[in-house]
Amino acid sequence: MAKARLDAPADVVSRNSRPHADSVWAPRKQGGILLDWRKRISDHIAYALLVYTGLQIFVTIAALREGSASVLPGLALVVLVGAIIPACRMMERRWTRLSDAEAGDPARAAAFYRDRAMVWAAAIGLPFIVTGGFRLVAMMMA
């Protein structure tokens, strides 16, 4: 095996000059794109948090404009924005703990699609469900 020069550019060093080149994990490609479930779920969670926060603010402001004298919609905003971040972090942690080989495994596609659907369902549905629940409580208290 030929030794690689330390000062040689990376593209000059041949594959055969690297030690254990065959034992190094090679990322799998899906449709020409590197498959990494960790990055993909992290991106979905980040975008879902933006959508969730925007919807929660929009729904809460709409509830306050309707003349709700209660502080419950404002409380809902603070509690839910503060509570959703740790929940998303727990979901993301399940994926970031994967090894490189596991993160590129196409067999994890079903789990990824399930988790992605849960993230987006929560991001879109929770603001309406919780604000509606707080409105219901406010109406019952009035």
C-alpha atoms as a PDB file:
ATOM      1  CA  MET A   1       0.000   0.000   0.000  1.00  0.00           C
ATOM      2  CA  ALA A   2       1.416   3.363  -1.003  1.00  0.00           C
ATOM      3  CA  LYS A   3       1.732   5.982   1.686  1.00  0.00           C
ATOM      4  CA  ALA A   4      -0.012   9.313   1.152  1.00  0.00           C
ATOM      5  CA  ARG A   5       1.953  12.491   1.463  1.00  0.00           C
ATOM      6  CA  LEU A   6       0.777  14.628   4.340  1.00  0.00           C
ATOM      7  CA  ASP A   7       1.097  17.835   2.326  1.00  0.00           C
ATOM      8  CA  ALA A   8      -0.748  16.457  -0.727  1.00  0.00           C
ATOM      9  CA  PRO A   9      -4.194  17.886  -1.505  1.00  0.00           C
ATOM     10  CA  ALA A  10      -7.107  15.631  -0.610  1.00  0.00           C
ATOM     11  CA  ASP A  11      -8.064  15.013  -4.243  1.00  0.00           C
ATOM     12  CA  VAL A  12      -4.533  13.761  -5.015  1.00  0.00           C
ATOM     13  CA  VAL A  13      -4.622  11.122  -2.291  1.00  0.00           C
ATOM     14  CA  SER A  14      -5.942   7.912  -3.785  1.00  0.00           C
ATOM     15  CA  ARG A  15      -8.498   5.655  -2.162  1.00  0.00           C
ATOM     16  CA  ASN A  16      -5.935   2.882  -1.869  1.00  0.00           C
ATOM     17  CA  SER A  17      -3.584   5.068   0.148  1.00  0.00           C
ATOM     18  CA  ARG A  18      -6.096   5.548   2.949  1.00  0.00           C
ATOM     19  CA  PRO A  19      -5.922   3.024   5.754  1.00  0.00           C
ATOM     20  CA  HIS A  20      -9.012   0.863   6.130  1.00  0.00           C
ATOM     21  CA  ALA A  21     -10.789   2.568   3.246  1.00  0.00           C
ATOM     22  CA  ASP A  22     -13.206  -0.326   2.821  1.00  0.00           C
ATOM     23  CA  SER A  23     -14.230  -0.381   6.490  1.00  0.00           C
ATOM     24  CA  VAL A  24     -15.230   3.289   6.555  1.00  0.00           C
ATOM     25  CA  TRP A  25     -18.974   3.864   6.385  1.00  0.00           C
ATOM     26  CA  ALA A  26     -20.104   5.142   3.005  1.00  0.00           C
ATOM     27  CA  PRO A  27     -23.325   7.176   3.032  1.00  0.00           C
ATOM     28  CA  ARG A  28     -26.136   5.725   0.969  1.00  0.00           C
ATOM     29  CA  LYS A  29     -27.795   7.744  -1.724  1.00  0.00           C
ATOM     30  CA  GLN A  30     -31.500   7.967  -2.392  1.00  0.00           C
ATOM     31  CA  GLY A  31     -32.308   9.596  -5.706  1.00  0.00           C
ATOM     32  CA  GLY A  32     -28.802  11.062  -5.929  1.00  0.00           C
ATOM     33  CA  ILE A  33     -29.102  12.721  -2.493  1.00  0.00           C
ATOM     34  CA  LEU A  34     -27.216  11.491   0.562  1.00  0.00           C
ATOM     35  CA  LEU A  35     -29.619   9.789   2.928  1.00  0.00           C
ATOM     36  CA  ASP A  36     -29.306  11.015   6.523  1.00  0.00           C
ATOM     37  CA  TRP A  37     -32.447  10.659   8.624  1.00  0.00           C
ATOM     38  CA  ARG A  38     -30.919  12.766  11.410  1.00  0.00           C
ATOM     39  CA  LYS A  39     -30.613  15.876   9.260  1.00  0.00           C
ATOM     40  CA  ARG A  40     -33.955  15.354   7.580  1.00  0.00           C
ATOM     41  CA  ILE A  41     -35.925  15.066  10.850  1.00  0.00           C
ATOM     42  CA  SER A  42     -34.011  18.013  12.299  1.00  0.00           C
ATOM     43  CA  ASP A  43     -35.000  20.151   9.296  1.00  0.00           C
ATOM     44  CA  HIS A  44     -38.653  19.115   9.567  1.00  0.00           C
ATOM     45  CA  ILE A  45     -38.733  19.863  13.291  1.00  0.00           C
ATOM     46  CA  ALA A  46     -37.172  23.291  12.773  1.00  0.00           C
ATOM     47  CA  TYR A  47     -39.668  24.263  10.071  1.00  0.00           C
ATOM     48  CA  ALA A  48     -42.565  22.790  12.034  1.00  0.00           C
ATOM     49  CA  LEU A  49     -41.586  24.870  15.078  1.00  0.00           C
ATOM     50  CA  LEU A  50     -41.691  28.003  12.947  1.00  0.00           C
ATOM     51  CA  VAL A  51     -45.118  27.083  11.566  1.00  0.00           C
ATOM     52  CA  TYR A  52     -46.399  26.117  15.020  1.00  0.00           C
ATOM     53  CA  THR A  53     -45.240  29.346  16.645  1.00  0.00           C
ATOM     54  CA  GLY A  54     -46.681  31.470  13.834  1.00  0.00           C
ATOM     55  CA  LEU A  55     -50.029  29.683  13.962  1.00  0.00           C
ATOM     56  CA  GLN A  56     -50.152  29.827  17.755  1.00  0.00           C
ATOM     57  CA  ILE A  57     -49.533  33.579  17.727  1.00  0.00           C
ATOM     58  CA  PHE A  58     -52.093  34.101  14.959  1.00  0.00           C
ATOM     59  CA  VAL A  59     -54.785  32.026  16.688  1.00  0.00           C
ATOM     60  CA  THR A  60     -54.127  33.611  20.090  1.00  0.00           C
ATOM     61  CA  ILE A  61     -54.286  37.161  18.703  1.00  0.00           C
ATOM     62  CA  ALA A  62     -57.523  36.274  16.896  1.00  0.00           C
ATOM     63  CA  ALA A  63     -58.967  35.019  20.200  1.00  0.00           C
ATOM     64  CA  LEU A  64     -57.899  38.195  21.990  1.00  0.00           C
ATOM     65  CA  ARG A  65     -59.412  40.414  19.276  1.00  0.00           C
ATOM     66  CA  GLU A  66     -62.770  38.712  19.645  1.00  0.00           C
ATOM     67  CA  GLY A  67     -63.062  40.395  23.006  1.00  0.00           C
ATOM     68  CA  SER A  68     -61.913  37.617  25.252  1.00  0.00           C
ATOM     69  CA  ALA A  69     -61.341  39.376  28.569  1.00  0.00           C
ATOM     70  CA  SER A  70     -59.636  36.288  29.920  1.00  0.00           C
ATOM     71  CA  VAL A  71     -55.897  35.923  30.170  1.00  0.00           C
ATOM     72  CA  LEU A  72     -56.234  32.301  29.104  1.00  0.00           C
ATOM     73  CA  PRO A  73     -55.328  32.830  25.415  1.00  0.00           C
ATOM     74  CA  GLY A  74     -52.155  34.648  26.434  1.00  0.00           C
ATOM     75  CA  LEU A  75     -51.377  31.919  28.933  1.00  0.00           C
ATOM     76  CA  ALA A  76     -51.939  29.333  26.205  1.00  0.00           C
ATOM     77  CA  LEU A  77     -49.407  31.115  24.011  1.00  0.00           C
ATOM     78  CA  VAL A  78     -46.701  31.190  26.654  1.00  0.00           C
ATOM     79  CA  VAL A  79     -47.262  27.658  27.934  1.00  0.00           C
ATOM     80  CA  LEU A  80     -47.493  25.984  24.562  1.00  0.00           C
ATOM     81  CA  VAL A  81     -44.536  27.690  22.953  1.00  0.00           C
ATOM     82  CA  GLY A  82     -42.517  26.788  26.060  1.00  0.00           C
ATOM     83  CA  ALA A  83     -43.822  23.217  26.180  1.00  0.00           C
ATOM     84  CA  ILE A  84     -43.469  22.310  22.523  1.00  0.00           C
ATOM     85  CA  ILE A  85     -39.721  22.956  22.359  1.00  0.00           C
ATOM     86  CA  PRO A  86     -38.756  20.204  24.876  1.00  0.00           C
ATOM     87  CA  ALA A  87     -41.190  17.813  23.175  1.00  0.00           C
ATOM     88  CA  CYS A  88     -39.587  18.462  19.796  1.00  0.00           C
ATOM     89  CA  ARG A  89     -36.144  18.112  21.322  1.00  0.00           C
ATOM     90  CA  MET A  90     -37.055  14.672  22.696  1.00  0.00           C
ATOM     91  CA  MET A  91     -38.245  13.585  19.256  1.00  0.00           C
ATOM     92  CA  GLU A  92     -35.099  14.916  17.616  1.00  0.00           C
ATOM     93  CA  ARG A  93     -32.867  13.264  20.210  1.00  0.00           C
ATOM     94  CA  ARG A  94     -34.185   9.842  19.140  1.00  0.00           C
ATOM     95  CA  TRP A  95     -32.755  10.489  15.694  1.00  0.00           C
ATOM     96  CA  THR A  96     -29.523  12.264  16.614  1.00  0.00           C
ATOM     97  CA  ARG A  97     -28.433   9.276  18.702  1.00  0.00           C
ATOM     98  CA  LEU A  98     -28.211   7.118  15.581  1.00  0.00           C
ATOM     99  CA  SER A  99     -24.798   6.065  14.349  1.00  0.00           C
ATOM    100  CA  ASP A 100     -23.714   7.061  10.855  1.00  0.00           C
ATOM    101  CA  ALA A 101     -24.622   3.630   9.511  1.00  0.00           C
ATOM    102  CA  GLU A 102     -28.063   3.709  11.139  1.00  0.00           C
ATOM    103  CA  ALA A 103     -28.711   7.261   9.931  1.00  0.00           C
ATOM    104  CA  GLY A 104     -28.284   6.179   6.325  1.00  0.00           C
ATOM    105  CA  ASP A 105     -30.296   2.972   6.618  1.00  0.00           C
ATOM    106  CA  PRO A 106     -33.269   2.973   4.202  1.00  0.00           C
ATOM    107  CA  ALA A 107     -35.066   0.558   6.549  1.00  0.00           C
ATOM    108  CA  ARG A 108     -35.730   3.509   8.878  1.00  0.00           C
ATOM    109  CA  ALA A 109     -37.907   5.214   6.272  1.00  0.00           C
ATOM    110  CA  ALA A 110     -41.206   4.085   7.837  1.00  0.00           C
ATOM    111  CA  ALA A 111     -40.207   5.412  11.279  1.00  0.00           C
ATOM    112  CA  PHE A 112     -39.063   8.677   9.710  1.00  0.00           C
ATOM    113  CA  TYR A 113     -42.331   9.164   7.810  1.00  0.00           C
ATOM    114  CA  ARG A 114     -44.351   8.352  10.939  1.00  0.00           C
ATOM    115  CA  ASP A 115     -42.393  10.837  13.064  1.00  0.00           C
ATOM    116  CA  ARG A 116     -42.555  13.469  10.328  1.00  0.00           C
ATOM    117  CA  ALA A 117     -46.347  13.102  10.131  1.00  0.00           C
ATOM    118  CA  MET A 118     -46.628  13.436  13.925  1.00  0.00           C
ATOM    119  CA  VAL A 119     -44.449  16.563  13.933  1.00  0.00           C
ATOM    120  CA  TRP A 120     -46.493  18.282  11.217  1.00  0.00           C
ATOM    121  CA  ALA A 121     -49.869  17.169  12.636  1.00  0.00           C
ATOM    122  CA  ALA A 122     -48.898  18.632  16.007  1.00  0.00           C
ATOM    123  CA  ALA A 123     -47.479  21.816  14.475  1.00  0.00           C
ATOM    124  CA  ILE A 124     -50.652  22.496  12.513  1.00  0.00           C
ATOM    125  CA  GLY A 125     -53.295  21.057  14.837  1.00  0.00           C
ATOM    126  CA  LEU A 126     -52.177  21.959  18.353  1.00  0.00           C
ATOM    127  CA  PRO A 127     -52.585  25.741  18.072  1.00  0.00           C
ATOM    128  CA  PHE A 128     -56.241  25.332  17.069  1.00  0.00           C
ATOM    129  CA  ILE A 129     -57.010  22.525  19.509  1.00  0.00           C
ATOM    130  CA  VAL A 130     -55.452  24.173  22.556  1.00  0.00           C
ATOM    131  CA  THR A 131     -56.739  27.675  21.883  1.00  0.00           C
ATOM    132  CA  GLY A 132     -60.183  26.162  21.297  1.00  0.00           C
ATOM    133  CA  GLY A 133     -59.877  24.336  24.612  1.00  0.00           C
ATOM    134  CA  PHE A 134     -58.906  27.520  26.416  1.00  0.00           C
ATOM    135  CA  ARG A 135     -61.838  29.323  24.774  1.00  0.00           C
ATOM    136  CA  LEU A 136     -64.175  26.581  25.959  1.00  0.00           C
ATOM    137  CA  VAL A 137     -62.842  26.885  29.518  1.00  0.00           C
ATOM    138  CA  ALA A 138     -63.223  30.679  29.356  1.00  0.00           C
ATOM    139  CA  MET A 139     -66.847  30.333  28.180  1.00  0.00           C
ATOM    140  CA  MET A 140     -67.633  27.900  30.977  1.00  0.00           C
ATOM    141  CA  MET A 141     -66.112  30.234  33.550  1.00  0.00           C
ATOM    142  CA  ALA A 142     -68.106  33.232  32.296  1.00  0.00           C
END
